[in-house]
Amino acid sequence: MKNIRVVGLTGGMASGKSLVAGMLRSLGAVVVDADVIARDVVAPGSQVLQEIAASFGDGVIQVDGTLDRHALGERIFNDPAARARLNAITHPHIRRRMAEEVARARAARPDAMVVLDVPLLLDVTPPDAYDLDGVVVIAVDEATQEARLAARDGITIEAARRRLQAQRPLREKVALATWVIDNSGTPEATRRQVEELWHRWQASA
């Protein structure tokens, strides 16, 4: 096995990606969260927010100058072209910031295991967008994923199914994975898989 030092982590909505990211962090990984960076790059006054307003109109900006995520979400949810336009605005900035975070982590701890938590990795973001040694996909069966999403967001199973259908099917992501963590069972079962994978990575160093 080659030296594993920077890996991508992804899954689908309610697959348990945040759970696994937390477990990896507790084992010593440096986790770089794309969602956190995505919020940072659209801060009031930022270039990205200005580009979003120019593309989608001032209706997606709240009176306090922050991004109205609900309004923007309504605009792009059922409009693939609008979603692609938003991704074209935000993703280059997010990728640059993530690369900077990886470089910072490696400079501080040359032996660090860095995990890039990227929800859309393998959806609209190809693995070669980052310099990764491999990709972990969190797998869960469809019925469990629908039930967890419905419970998490307080929506019906039918609504959860529609949201999941807007993403790339999880089974397709699993087919592209370097490693798979099955989160269909208990958190304890998931942790055992995460710890086993962690030890394999450490053995590759």
N, C-alpha and C. Protein backbone atom coordinates (compact mmCIF):
# COMPACT_ATOMS: atom_id res chain seq x y z
N MET A 1 0.85 -1.20 0.00
CA MET A 1 0.00 0.00 0.00
C MET A 1 0.88 1.25 0.00
N LYS A 2 0.48 2.22 -0.84
CA LYS A 2 1.27 3.46 -0.88
C LYS A 2 1.05 4.27 0.40
N ASN A 3 1.90 5.25 0.57
CA ASN A 3 1.81 6.14 1.73
C ASN A 3 0.52 6.94 1.67
N ILE A 4 -0.39 6.72 2.64
CA ILE A 4 -1.68 7.40 2.65
C ILE A 4 -1.59 8.59 3.60
N ARG A 5 -1.79 9.81 3.06
CA ARG A 5 -1.68 10.99 3.90
C ARG A 5 -2.82 11.99 3.71
N VAL A 6 -3.42 12.03 2.51
CA VAL A 6 -4.54 12.95 2.27
C VAL A 6 -5.65 12.16 1.59
N VAL A 7 -6.81 12.07 2.25
CA VAL A 7 -7.92 11.30 1.69
C VAL A 7 -9.18 12.15 1.63
N GLY A 8 -10.04 11.82 0.69
CA GLY A 8 -11.33 12.47 0.60
C GLY A 8 -12.38 11.63 1.32
N LEU A 9 -13.37 12.32 1.88
CA LEU A 9 -14.46 11.65 2.59
C LEU A 9 -15.77 12.18 2.04
N THR A 10 -16.64 11.28 1.61
CA THR A 10 -17.92 11.72 1.06
C THR A 10 -18.98 10.66 1.29
N GLY A 11 -20.18 10.98 0.88
CA GLY A 11 -21.32 10.07 1.03
C GLY A 11 -22.53 10.74 0.43
N GLY A 12 -23.69 10.51 0.98
CA GLY A 12 -24.90 11.19 0.56
C GLY A 12 -25.56 11.82 1.77
N MET A 13 -26.66 12.53 1.55
CA MET A 13 -27.39 13.12 2.68
C MET A 13 -27.80 12.02 3.66
N ALA A 14 -27.55 12.27 4.94
CA ALA A 14 -27.94 11.36 6.02
C ALA A 14 -27.26 9.99 5.92
N SER A 15 -26.10 9.95 5.26
CA SER A 15 -25.37 8.68 5.17
C SER A 15 -24.50 8.45 6.41
N GLY A 16 -24.18 9.54 7.12
CA GLY A 16 -23.35 9.41 8.31
C GLY A 16 -21.95 9.95 8.12
N LYS A 17 -21.76 10.80 7.14
CA LYS A 17 -20.43 11.35 6.85
C LYS A 17 -19.89 12.15 8.03
N SER A 18 -20.73 12.97 8.64
CA SER A 18 -20.29 13.77 9.79
C SER A 18 -19.90 12.88 10.96
N LEU A 19 -20.63 11.79 11.15
CA LEU A 19 -20.30 10.84 12.21
C LEU A 19 -18.90 10.27 12.00
N VAL A 20 -18.62 9.84 10.78
CA VAL A 20 -17.32 9.24 10.47
C VAL A 20 -16.22 10.29 10.55
N ALA A 21 -16.50 11.51 10.09
CA ALA A 21 -15.51 12.58 10.18
C ALA A 21 -15.13 12.82 11.65
N GLY A 22 -16.12 12.81 12.52
CA GLY A 22 -15.85 12.98 13.95
C GLY A 22 -15.01 11.85 14.52
N MET A 23 -15.28 10.64 14.09
CA MET A 23 -14.49 9.50 14.56
C MET A 23 -13.05 9.62 14.09
N LEU A 24 -12.85 10.01 12.84
CA LEU A 24 -11.49 10.17 12.32
C LEU A 24 -10.75 11.29 13.05
N ARG A 25 -11.48 12.36 13.36
CA ARG A 25 -10.87 13.47 14.10
C ARG A 25 -10.42 12.99 15.49
N SER A 26 -11.25 12.18 16.13
CA SER A 26 -10.92 11.68 17.47
C SER A 26 -9.70 10.75 17.43
N LEU A 27 -9.45 10.14 16.28
CA LEU A 27 -8.29 9.26 16.14
C LEU A 27 -7.01 10.03 15.81
N GLY A 28 -7.16 11.31 15.51
CA GLY A 28 -5.98 12.13 15.25
C GLY A 28 -5.91 12.77 13.89
N ALA A 29 -6.91 12.56 13.05
CA ALA A 29 -6.90 13.15 11.72
C ALA A 29 -7.17 14.65 11.79
N VAL A 30 -6.60 15.38 10.84
CA VAL A 30 -6.96 16.78 10.64
C VAL A 30 -8.08 16.77 9.60
N VAL A 31 -9.26 17.20 9.99
CA VAL A 31 -10.41 17.19 9.09
C VAL A 31 -10.64 18.59 8.54
N VAL A 32 -10.63 18.71 7.23
CA VAL A 32 -10.90 19.97 6.55
C VAL A 32 -12.32 19.86 5.99
N ASP A 33 -13.22 20.68 6.51
CA ASP A 33 -14.65 20.58 6.20
C ASP A 33 -15.03 21.54 5.09
N ALA A 34 -15.42 20.99 3.94
CA ALA A 34 -15.79 21.83 2.80
C ALA A 34 -17.01 22.69 3.11
N ASP A 35 -17.94 22.20 3.92
CA ASP A 35 -19.13 22.97 4.25
C ASP A 35 -18.78 24.23 5.04
N VAL A 36 -17.83 24.10 5.97
CA VAL A 36 -17.39 25.26 6.76
C VAL A 36 -16.75 26.29 5.85
N ILE A 37 -15.89 25.82 4.96
CA ILE A 37 -15.22 26.73 4.04
C ILE A 37 -16.23 27.36 3.09
N ALA A 38 -17.22 26.57 2.66
CA ALA A 38 -18.25 27.10 1.75
C ALA A 38 -19.02 28.25 2.40
N ARG A 39 -19.24 28.16 3.72
CA ARG A 39 -19.90 29.26 4.42
C ARG A 39 -18.99 30.48 4.53
N ASP A 40 -17.71 30.23 4.73
CA ASP A 40 -16.75 31.32 4.87
C ASP A 40 -16.61 32.13 3.58
N VAL A 41 -16.60 31.43 2.44
CA VAL A 41 -16.32 32.14 1.18
C VAL A 41 -17.49 33.02 0.74
N VAL A 42 -18.67 32.83 1.34
CA VAL A 42 -19.81 33.69 0.99
C VAL A 42 -20.12 34.69 2.11
N ALA A 43 -19.11 35.02 2.90
CA ALA A 43 -19.29 36.01 3.97
C ALA A 43 -19.67 37.36 3.37
N PRO A 44 -20.41 38.18 4.13
CA PRO A 44 -20.80 39.50 3.62
C PRO A 44 -19.59 40.29 3.12
N GLY A 45 -19.74 40.87 1.94
CA GLY A 45 -18.67 41.66 1.36
C GLY A 45 -17.67 40.87 0.54
N SER A 46 -17.80 39.55 0.54
CA SER A 46 -16.84 38.72 -0.19
C SER A 46 -17.07 38.80 -1.70
N GLN A 47 -16.03 38.52 -2.44
CA GLN A 47 -16.14 38.48 -3.90
C GLN A 47 -17.15 37.45 -4.35
N VAL A 48 -17.16 36.29 -3.69
CA VAL A 48 -18.08 35.22 -4.08
C VAL A 48 -19.53 35.65 -3.89
N LEU A 49 -19.83 36.31 -2.77
CA LEU A 49 -21.20 36.75 -2.53
C LEU A 49 -21.62 37.78 -3.57
N GLN A 50 -20.70 38.64 -3.95
CA GLN A 50 -21.01 39.63 -4.99
C GLN A 50 -21.31 38.95 -6.32
N GLU A 51 -20.56 37.91 -6.65
CA GLU A 51 -20.79 37.17 -7.89
C GLU A 51 -22.14 36.45 -7.86
N ILE A 52 -22.49 35.90 -6.70
CA ILE A 52 -23.78 35.23 -6.56
C ILE A 52 -24.92 36.22 -6.75
N ALA A 53 -24.81 37.39 -6.13
CA ALA A 53 -25.85 38.41 -6.27
C ALA A 53 -25.98 38.87 -7.71
N ALA A 54 -24.84 39.00 -8.40
CA ALA A 54 -24.87 39.43 -9.80
C ALA A 54 -25.55 38.39 -10.68
N SER A 55 -25.37 37.11 -10.33
CA SER A 55 -25.91 36.03 -11.14
C SER A 55 -27.37 35.70 -10.82
N PHE A 56 -27.73 35.78 -9.52
CA PHE A 56 -29.05 35.34 -9.10
C PHE A 56 -29.96 36.47 -8.64
N GLY A 57 -29.43 37.68 -8.53
CA GLY A 57 -30.25 38.81 -8.12
C GLY A 57 -30.15 39.08 -6.63
N ASP A 58 -30.54 40.31 -6.25
CA ASP A 58 -30.44 40.71 -4.84
C ASP A 58 -31.42 39.97 -3.94
N GLY A 59 -32.36 39.24 -4.53
CA GLY A 59 -33.33 38.49 -3.74
C GLY A 59 -32.72 37.36 -2.94
N VAL A 60 -31.47 36.98 -3.27
CA VAL A 60 -30.82 35.91 -2.49
C VAL A 60 -29.91 36.49 -1.41
N ILE A 61 -29.96 37.82 -1.23
CA ILE A 61 -29.18 38.47 -0.17
C ILE A 61 -30.14 39.04 0.87
N GLN A 62 -29.91 38.74 2.13
CA GLN A 62 -30.77 39.22 3.20
C GLN A 62 -30.43 40.68 3.54
N VAL A 63 -31.30 41.30 4.31
CA VAL A 63 -31.13 42.73 4.62
C VAL A 63 -29.85 43.00 5.40
N ASP A 64 -29.34 42.00 6.12
CA ASP A 64 -28.10 42.19 6.88
C ASP A 64 -26.86 41.92 6.04
N GLY A 65 -27.07 41.66 4.74
CA GLY A 65 -25.94 41.45 3.84
C GLY A 65 -25.45 40.02 3.74
N THR A 66 -26.11 39.09 4.46
CA THR A 66 -25.70 37.69 4.40
C THR A 66 -26.48 36.96 3.30
N LEU A 67 -25.97 35.82 2.91
CA LEU A 67 -26.62 35.01 1.89
C LEU A 67 -27.91 34.41 2.44
N ASP A 68 -28.99 34.53 1.69
CA ASP A 68 -30.25 33.89 2.04
C ASP A 68 -30.22 32.48 1.46
N ARG A 69 -29.76 31.53 2.25
CA ARG A 69 -29.57 30.17 1.77
C ARG A 69 -30.87 29.52 1.34
N HIS A 70 -31.96 29.84 2.07
CA HIS A 70 -33.24 29.24 1.71
C HIS A 70 -33.69 29.74 0.33
N ALA A 71 -33.60 31.03 0.12
CA ALA A 71 -34.02 31.59 -1.18
C ALA A 71 -33.16 31.05 -2.31
N LEU A 72 -31.85 30.96 -2.07
CA LEU A 72 -30.97 30.43 -3.10
C LEU A 72 -31.26 28.95 -3.35
N GLY A 73 -31.50 28.22 -2.27
CA GLY A 73 -31.82 26.80 -2.41
C GLY A 73 -33.07 26.57 -3.23
N GLU A 74 -34.08 27.43 -3.02
CA GLU A 74 -35.31 27.32 -3.81
C GLU A 74 -35.04 27.56 -5.29
N ARG A 75 -34.09 28.45 -5.57
CA ARG A 75 -33.78 28.79 -6.96
C ARG A 75 -33.08 27.64 -7.68
N ILE A 76 -32.23 26.91 -6.97
CA ILE A 76 -31.38 25.93 -7.65
C ILE A 76 -31.85 24.49 -7.51
N PHE A 77 -32.78 24.22 -6.57
CA PHE A 77 -33.09 22.83 -6.25
C PHE A 77 -33.58 22.05 -7.46
N ASN A 78 -34.50 22.63 -8.21
CA ASN A 78 -35.06 21.92 -9.36
C ASN A 78 -34.56 22.51 -10.69
N ASP A 79 -33.44 23.22 -10.65
CA ASP A 79 -32.91 23.85 -11.84
C ASP A 79 -31.44 23.47 -11.99
N PRO A 80 -31.15 22.39 -12.70
CA PRO A 80 -29.75 21.94 -12.84
C PRO A 80 -28.82 23.01 -13.41
N ALA A 81 -29.33 23.83 -14.34
CA ALA A 81 -28.49 24.86 -14.94
C ALA A 81 -28.12 25.91 -13.90
N ALA A 82 -29.08 26.29 -13.06
CA ALA A 82 -28.80 27.27 -12.00
C ALA A 82 -27.83 26.68 -10.98
N ARG A 83 -28.01 25.40 -10.67
CA ARG A 83 -27.12 24.75 -9.71
C ARG A 83 -25.69 24.71 -10.26
N ALA A 84 -25.57 24.41 -11.55
CA ALA A 84 -24.24 24.38 -12.18
C ALA A 84 -23.61 25.78 -12.18
N ARG A 85 -24.45 26.81 -12.37
CA ARG A 85 -23.94 28.18 -12.37
C ARG A 85 -23.41 28.55 -10.99
N LEU A 86 -24.14 28.15 -9.95
CA LEU A 86 -23.69 28.43 -8.59
C LEU A 86 -22.39 27.69 -8.29
N ASN A 87 -22.32 26.42 -8.69
CA ASN A 87 -21.10 25.64 -8.45
C ASN A 87 -19.90 26.26 -9.16
N ALA A 88 -20.12 26.78 -10.36
CA ALA A 88 -19.03 27.39 -11.11
C ALA A 88 -18.50 28.64 -10.40
N ILE A 89 -19.38 29.31 -9.67
CA ILE A 89 -18.96 30.50 -8.91
C ILE A 89 -18.21 30.11 -7.64
N THR A 90 -18.75 29.16 -6.90
CA THR A 90 -18.23 28.88 -5.57
C THR A 90 -17.09 27.87 -5.52
N HIS A 91 -17.15 26.84 -6.35
CA HIS A 91 -16.22 25.72 -6.19
C HIS A 91 -14.75 26.08 -6.36
N PRO A 92 -14.37 26.92 -7.33
CA PRO A 92 -12.94 27.26 -7.43
C PRO A 92 -12.40 27.91 -6.15
N HIS A 93 -13.20 28.76 -5.52
CA HIS A 93 -12.77 29.41 -4.29
C HIS A 93 -12.67 28.40 -3.14
N ILE A 94 -13.65 27.49 -3.08
CA ILE A 94 -13.63 26.48 -2.02
C ILE A 94 -12.42 25.57 -2.18
N ARG A 95 -12.16 25.14 -3.42
CA ARG A 95 -11.02 24.24 -3.65
C ARG A 95 -9.70 24.92 -3.28
N ARG A 96 -9.56 26.18 -3.62
CA ARG A 96 -8.33 26.89 -3.30
C ARG A 96 -8.12 26.97 -1.79
N ARG A 97 -9.21 27.30 -1.08
CA ARG A 97 -9.12 27.41 0.38
C ARG A 97 -8.80 26.05 1.00
N MET A 98 -9.37 24.99 0.46
CA MET A 98 -9.10 23.66 1.01
C MET A 98 -7.65 23.27 0.78
N ALA A 99 -7.12 23.59 -0.39
CA ALA A 99 -5.71 23.30 -0.67
C ALA A 99 -4.81 24.07 0.30
N GLU A 100 -5.20 25.29 0.61
CA GLU A 100 -4.43 26.08 1.58
C GLU A 100 -4.48 25.44 2.96
N GLU A 101 -5.65 24.93 3.35
CA GLU A 101 -5.78 24.28 4.66
C GLU A 101 -4.94 23.01 4.74
N VAL A 102 -4.90 22.25 3.64
CA VAL A 102 -4.08 21.03 3.62
C VAL A 102 -2.61 21.40 3.77
N ALA A 103 -2.16 22.41 3.01
CA ALA A 103 -0.76 22.84 3.10
C ALA A 103 -0.42 23.32 4.51
N ARG A 104 -1.34 24.03 5.13
CA ARG A 104 -1.12 24.53 6.49
C ARG A 104 -1.01 23.36 7.48
N ALA A 105 -1.89 22.38 7.32
CA ALA A 105 -1.88 21.22 8.22
C ALA A 105 -0.60 20.41 8.06
N ARG A 106 -0.17 20.22 6.81
CA ARG A 106 1.03 19.43 6.57
C ARG A 106 2.29 20.16 7.04
N ALA A 107 2.27 21.50 6.96
CA ALA A 107 3.41 22.27 7.45
C ALA A 107 3.52 22.18 8.97
N ALA A 108 2.36 22.20 9.64
CA ALA A 108 2.36 22.13 11.10
C ALA A 108 2.67 20.72 11.60
N ARG A 109 2.15 19.72 10.88
CA ARG A 109 2.35 18.32 11.27
C ARG A 109 2.64 17.51 10.01
N PRO A 110 3.92 17.37 9.64
CA PRO A 110 4.26 16.65 8.40
C PRO A 110 3.72 15.22 8.35
N ASP A 111 3.51 14.61 9.51
CA ASP A 111 3.01 13.24 9.53
C ASP A 111 1.50 13.17 9.67
N ALA A 112 0.82 14.32 9.58
CA ALA A 112 -0.63 14.35 9.81
C ALA A 112 -1.39 13.58 8.74
N MET A 113 -2.45 12.91 9.15
CA MET A 113 -3.42 12.35 8.23
C MET A 113 -4.48 13.43 8.01
N VAL A 114 -4.64 13.87 6.79
CA VAL A 114 -5.58 14.94 6.48
C VAL A 114 -6.77 14.35 5.75
N VAL A 115 -7.96 14.66 6.25
CA VAL A 115 -9.20 14.16 5.65
C VAL A 115 -9.99 15.34 5.11
N LEU A 116 -10.28 15.33 3.81
CA LEU A 116 -11.09 16.38 3.20
C LEU A 116 -12.54 15.92 3.17
N ASP A 117 -13.35 16.54 4.00
CA ASP A 117 -14.78 16.21 4.11
C ASP A 117 -15.52 17.03 3.04
N VAL A 118 -15.85 16.36 1.92
CA VAL A 118 -16.41 17.05 0.75
C VAL A 118 -17.72 16.38 0.35
N PRO A 119 -18.88 16.97 0.69
CA PRO A 119 -20.15 16.32 0.37
C PRO A 119 -20.34 16.01 -1.11
N LEU A 120 -19.89 16.90 -2.00
CA LEU A 120 -20.13 16.73 -3.43
C LEU A 120 -18.97 16.06 -4.17
N LEU A 121 -18.00 15.52 -3.42
CA LEU A 121 -16.95 14.75 -4.05
C LEU A 121 -17.59 13.54 -4.73
N LEU A 122 -17.29 13.34 -5.98
CA LEU A 122 -17.84 12.29 -6.84
C LEU A 122 -19.24 12.62 -7.34
N ASP A 123 -19.81 13.76 -6.92
CA ASP A 123 -21.08 14.24 -7.51
C ASP A 123 -20.73 15.20 -8.65
N VAL A 124 -20.32 16.41 -8.28
CA VAL A 124 -19.90 17.38 -9.28
C VAL A 124 -18.42 17.70 -9.16
N THR A 125 -17.78 17.17 -8.13
CA THR A 125 -16.35 17.42 -7.92
C THR A 125 -15.58 16.12 -8.14
N PRO A 126 -14.75 16.05 -9.18
CA PRO A 126 -13.98 14.83 -9.42
C PRO A 126 -12.85 14.68 -8.41
N PRO A 127 -12.40 13.45 -8.15
CA PRO A 127 -11.33 13.25 -7.18
C PRO A 127 -10.05 14.01 -7.53
N ASP A 128 -9.78 14.19 -8.83
CA ASP A 128 -8.54 14.86 -9.20
C ASP A 128 -8.61 16.38 -9.01
N ALA A 129 -9.73 16.88 -8.49
CA ALA A 129 -9.79 18.30 -8.12
C ALA A 129 -8.89 18.56 -6.92
N TYR A 130 -8.59 17.51 -6.17
CA TYR A 130 -7.68 17.59 -5.03
C TYR A 130 -6.61 16.53 -5.19
N ASP A 131 -5.49 16.72 -4.55
CA ASP A 131 -4.39 15.76 -4.63
C ASP A 131 -4.61 14.70 -3.56
N LEU A 132 -5.46 13.73 -3.87
CA LEU A 132 -5.88 12.74 -2.89
C LEU A 132 -5.16 11.41 -3.09
N ASP A 133 -4.94 10.73 -1.97
CA ASP A 133 -4.39 9.38 -2.02
C ASP A 133 -5.49 8.33 -2.11
N GLY A 134 -6.72 8.75 -1.99
CA GLY A 134 -7.86 7.83 -2.08
C GLY A 134 -9.11 8.50 -1.56
N VAL A 135 -10.25 7.83 -1.75
CA VAL A 135 -11.55 8.39 -1.36
C VAL A 135 -12.32 7.37 -0.52
N VAL A 136 -12.82 7.82 0.62
CA VAL A 136 -13.70 7.01 1.46
C VAL A 136 -15.14 7.41 1.17
N VAL A 137 -15.98 6.44 0.90
CA VAL A 137 -17.40 6.69 0.71
C VAL A 137 -18.17 6.01 1.84
N ILE A 138 -19.06 6.77 2.47
CA ILE A 138 -19.91 6.23 3.52
C ILE A 138 -21.16 5.66 2.87
N ALA A 139 -21.38 4.37 3.03
CA ALA A 139 -22.50 3.69 2.40
C ALA A 139 -23.60 3.40 3.41
N VAL A 140 -24.82 3.42 2.92
CA VAL A 140 -25.98 3.07 3.73
C VAL A 140 -27.07 2.62 2.76
N ASP A 141 -27.89 1.67 3.17
CA ASP A 141 -28.94 1.21 2.26
C ASP A 141 -29.99 2.31 2.08
N GLU A 142 -30.67 2.29 0.95
CA GLU A 142 -31.57 3.38 0.57
C GLU A 142 -32.68 3.60 1.60
N ALA A 143 -33.29 2.53 2.08
CA ALA A 143 -34.39 2.68 3.03
C ALA A 143 -33.93 3.35 4.32
N THR A 144 -32.76 2.95 4.80
CA THR A 144 -32.22 3.55 6.03
C THR A 144 -31.87 5.01 5.80
N GLN A 145 -31.28 5.31 4.65
CA GLN A 145 -30.92 6.69 4.34
C GLN A 145 -32.16 7.58 4.27
N GLU A 146 -33.21 7.10 3.61
CA GLU A 146 -34.46 7.87 3.53
C GLU A 146 -35.04 8.11 4.92
N ALA A 147 -35.06 7.06 5.73
CA ALA A 147 -35.65 7.20 7.08
C ALA A 147 -34.83 8.16 7.93
N ARG A 148 -33.52 8.09 7.85
CA ARG A 148 -32.67 8.98 8.65
C ARG A 148 -32.82 10.43 8.19
N LEU A 149 -32.90 10.64 6.88
CA LEU A 149 -33.06 12.00 6.37
C LEU A 149 -34.40 12.58 6.79
N ALA A 150 -35.46 11.77 6.69
CA ALA A 150 -36.79 12.23 7.09
C ALA A 150 -36.81 12.60 8.57
N ALA A 151 -36.21 11.75 9.41
CA ALA A 151 -36.18 12.03 10.85
C ALA A 151 -35.32 13.25 11.17
N ARG A 152 -34.19 13.37 10.48
CA ARG A 152 -33.27 14.49 10.75
C ARG A 152 -33.89 15.83 10.40
N ASP A 153 -34.56 15.90 9.25
CA ASP A 153 -35.07 17.17 8.74
C ASP A 153 -36.56 17.38 9.00
N GLY A 154 -37.20 16.40 9.64
CA GLY A 154 -38.63 16.55 9.94
C GLY A 154 -39.50 16.59 8.71
N ILE A 155 -39.19 15.74 7.73
CA ILE A 155 -39.94 15.70 6.48
C ILE A 155 -40.49 14.29 6.26
N THR A 156 -41.32 14.15 5.25
CA THR A 156 -41.88 12.83 4.95
C THR A 156 -40.86 11.98 4.21
N ILE A 157 -41.12 10.68 4.19
CA ILE A 157 -40.26 9.76 3.44
C ILE A 157 -40.26 10.14 1.96
N GLU A 158 -41.42 10.54 1.46
CA GLU A 158 -41.50 10.92 0.04
C GLU A 158 -40.64 12.15 -0.25
N ALA A 159 -40.68 13.13 0.65
CA ALA A 159 -39.86 14.33 0.48
C ALA A 159 -38.38 13.98 0.57
N ALA A 160 -38.04 13.10 1.50
CA ALA A 160 -36.65 12.66 1.64
C ALA A 160 -36.19 11.96 0.37
N ARG A 161 -37.06 11.15 -0.20
CA ARG A 161 -36.71 10.44 -1.43
C ARG A 161 -36.44 11.41 -2.57
N ARG A 162 -37.26 12.46 -2.67
CA ARG A 162 -37.06 13.45 -3.73
C ARG A 162 -35.73 14.18 -3.56
N ARG A 163 -35.39 14.50 -2.33
CA ARG A 163 -34.11 15.17 -2.09
C ARG A 163 -32.94 14.28 -2.48
N LEU A 164 -33.04 13.01 -2.12
CA LEU A 164 -31.95 12.09 -2.44
C LEU A 164 -31.83 11.86 -3.94
N GLN A 165 -32.95 11.92 -4.64
CA GLN A 165 -32.92 11.73 -6.08
C GLN A 165 -32.23 12.88 -6.80
N ALA A 166 -32.08 14.02 -6.12
CA ALA A 166 -31.38 15.17 -6.71
C ALA A 166 -29.87 15.00 -6.63
N GLN A 167 -29.41 14.00 -5.86
CA GLN A 167 -27.98 13.71 -5.76
C GLN A 167 -27.63 12.50 -6.60
N ARG A 168 -26.35 12.36 -6.86
CA ARG A 168 -25.89 11.15 -7.53
C ARG A 168 -26.18 9.95 -6.63
N PRO A 169 -26.70 8.85 -7.19
CA PRO A 169 -27.01 7.69 -6.35
C PRO A 169 -25.78 7.23 -5.57
N LEU A 170 -25.99 6.90 -4.32
CA LEU A 170 -24.89 6.51 -3.45
C LEU A 170 -24.18 5.26 -3.98
N ARG A 171 -24.92 4.38 -4.60
CA ARG A 171 -24.31 3.15 -5.12
C ARG A 171 -23.27 3.46 -6.20
N GLU A 172 -23.49 4.54 -6.96
CA GLU A 172 -22.52 4.93 -7.98
C GLU A 172 -21.26 5.48 -7.34
N LYS A 173 -21.42 6.19 -6.25
CA LYS A 173 -20.24 6.70 -5.53
C LYS A 173 -19.45 5.54 -4.92
N VAL A 174 -20.17 4.58 -4.35
CA VAL A 174 -19.52 3.41 -3.75
C VAL A 174 -18.65 2.70 -4.79
N ALA A 175 -19.15 2.63 -6.03
CA ALA A 175 -18.40 1.94 -7.09
C ALA A 175 -17.08 2.63 -7.41
N LEU A 176 -16.98 3.92 -7.09
CA LEU A 176 -15.77 4.69 -7.37
C LEU A 176 -14.85 4.83 -6.16
N ALA A 177 -15.26 4.28 -5.03
CA ALA A 177 -14.53 4.47 -3.77
C ALA A 177 -13.24 3.67 -3.73
N THR A 178 -12.27 4.21 -3.00
CA THR A 178 -11.07 3.46 -2.65
C THR A 178 -11.35 2.58 -1.44
N TRP A 179 -12.10 3.15 -0.49
CA TRP A 179 -12.51 2.43 0.71
C TRP A 179 -13.98 2.75 0.97
N VAL A 180 -14.70 1.79 1.55
CA VAL A 180 -16.13 1.96 1.87
C VAL A 180 -16.35 1.68 3.35
N ILE A 181 -17.07 2.58 4.01
CA ILE A 181 -17.52 2.37 5.38
C ILE A 181 -19.03 2.17 5.34
N ASP A 182 -19.51 1.03 5.80
CA ASP A 182 -20.94 0.74 5.80
C ASP A 182 -21.54 1.26 7.11
N ASN A 183 -22.38 2.29 6.99
CA ASN A 183 -22.99 2.89 8.17
C ASN A 183 -24.47 2.52 8.30
N SER A 184 -24.84 1.36 7.78
CA SER A 184 -26.24 0.93 7.87
C SER A 184 -26.58 0.40 9.26
N GLY A 185 -25.56 0.04 10.03
CA GLY A 185 -25.80 -0.55 11.34
C GLY A 185 -25.65 0.43 12.48
N THR A 186 -25.10 -0.06 13.58
CA THR A 186 -24.96 0.76 14.78
C THR A 186 -23.72 1.64 14.69
N PRO A 187 -23.68 2.73 15.48
CA PRO A 187 -22.46 3.56 15.52
C PRO A 187 -21.23 2.75 15.94
N GLU A 188 -21.44 1.77 16.81
CA GLU A 188 -20.31 0.95 17.27
C GLU A 188 -19.74 0.14 16.11
N ALA A 189 -20.62 -0.40 15.26
CA ALA A 189 -20.16 -1.17 14.10
C ALA A 189 -19.41 -0.27 13.13
N THR A 190 -19.90 0.96 12.98
CA THR A 190 -19.21 1.91 12.11
C THR A 190 -17.85 2.26 12.67
N ARG A 191 -17.79 2.49 13.98
CA ARG A 191 -16.50 2.84 14.60
C ARG A 191 -15.48 1.74 14.40
N ARG A 192 -15.88 0.50 14.50
CA ARG A 192 -14.93 -0.61 14.30
C ARG A 192 -14.33 -0.55 12.90
N GLN A 193 -15.18 -0.26 11.91
CA GLN A 193 -14.67 -0.15 10.54
C GLN A 193 -13.73 1.04 10.37
N VAL A 194 -14.08 2.16 11.00
CA VAL A 194 -13.24 3.35 10.90
C VAL A 194 -11.88 3.09 11.55
N GLU A 195 -11.88 2.47 12.71
CA GLU A 195 -10.62 2.20 13.41
C GLU A 195 -9.75 1.23 12.60
N GLU A 196 -10.38 0.24 11.98
CA GLU A 196 -9.63 -0.71 11.16
C GLU A 196 -8.98 0.01 9.98
N LEU A 197 -9.74 0.90 9.34
CA LEU A 197 -9.21 1.65 8.20
C LEU A 197 -8.09 2.58 8.66
N TRP A 198 -8.27 3.20 9.80
CA TRP A 198 -7.24 4.11 10.34
C TRP A 198 -5.93 3.36 10.55
N HIS A 199 -6.01 2.17 11.11
CA HIS A 199 -4.80 1.39 11.37
C HIS A 199 -4.13 0.99 10.05
N ARG A 200 -4.92 0.71 9.03
CA ARG A 200 -4.35 0.38 7.71
C ARG A 200 -3.62 1.60 7.16
N TRP A 201 -4.20 2.78 7.32
CA TRP A 201 -3.52 3.97 6.84
C TRP A 201 -2.22 4.21 7.60
N GLN A 202 -2.28 4.04 8.91
CA GLN A 202 -1.08 4.26 9.72
C GLN A 202 0.03 3.28 9.33
N ALA A 203 -0.36 2.06 9.00
CA ALA A 203 0.63 1.04 8.62
C ALA A 203 1.29 1.37 7.30
N SER A 204 0.63 2.22 6.50
CA SER A 204 1.20 2.58 5.20
C SER A 204 2.24 3.68 5.29
N ALA A 205 2.30 4.35 6.44
CA ALA A 205 3.20 5.50 6.59
C ALA A 205 4.66 5.07 6.52
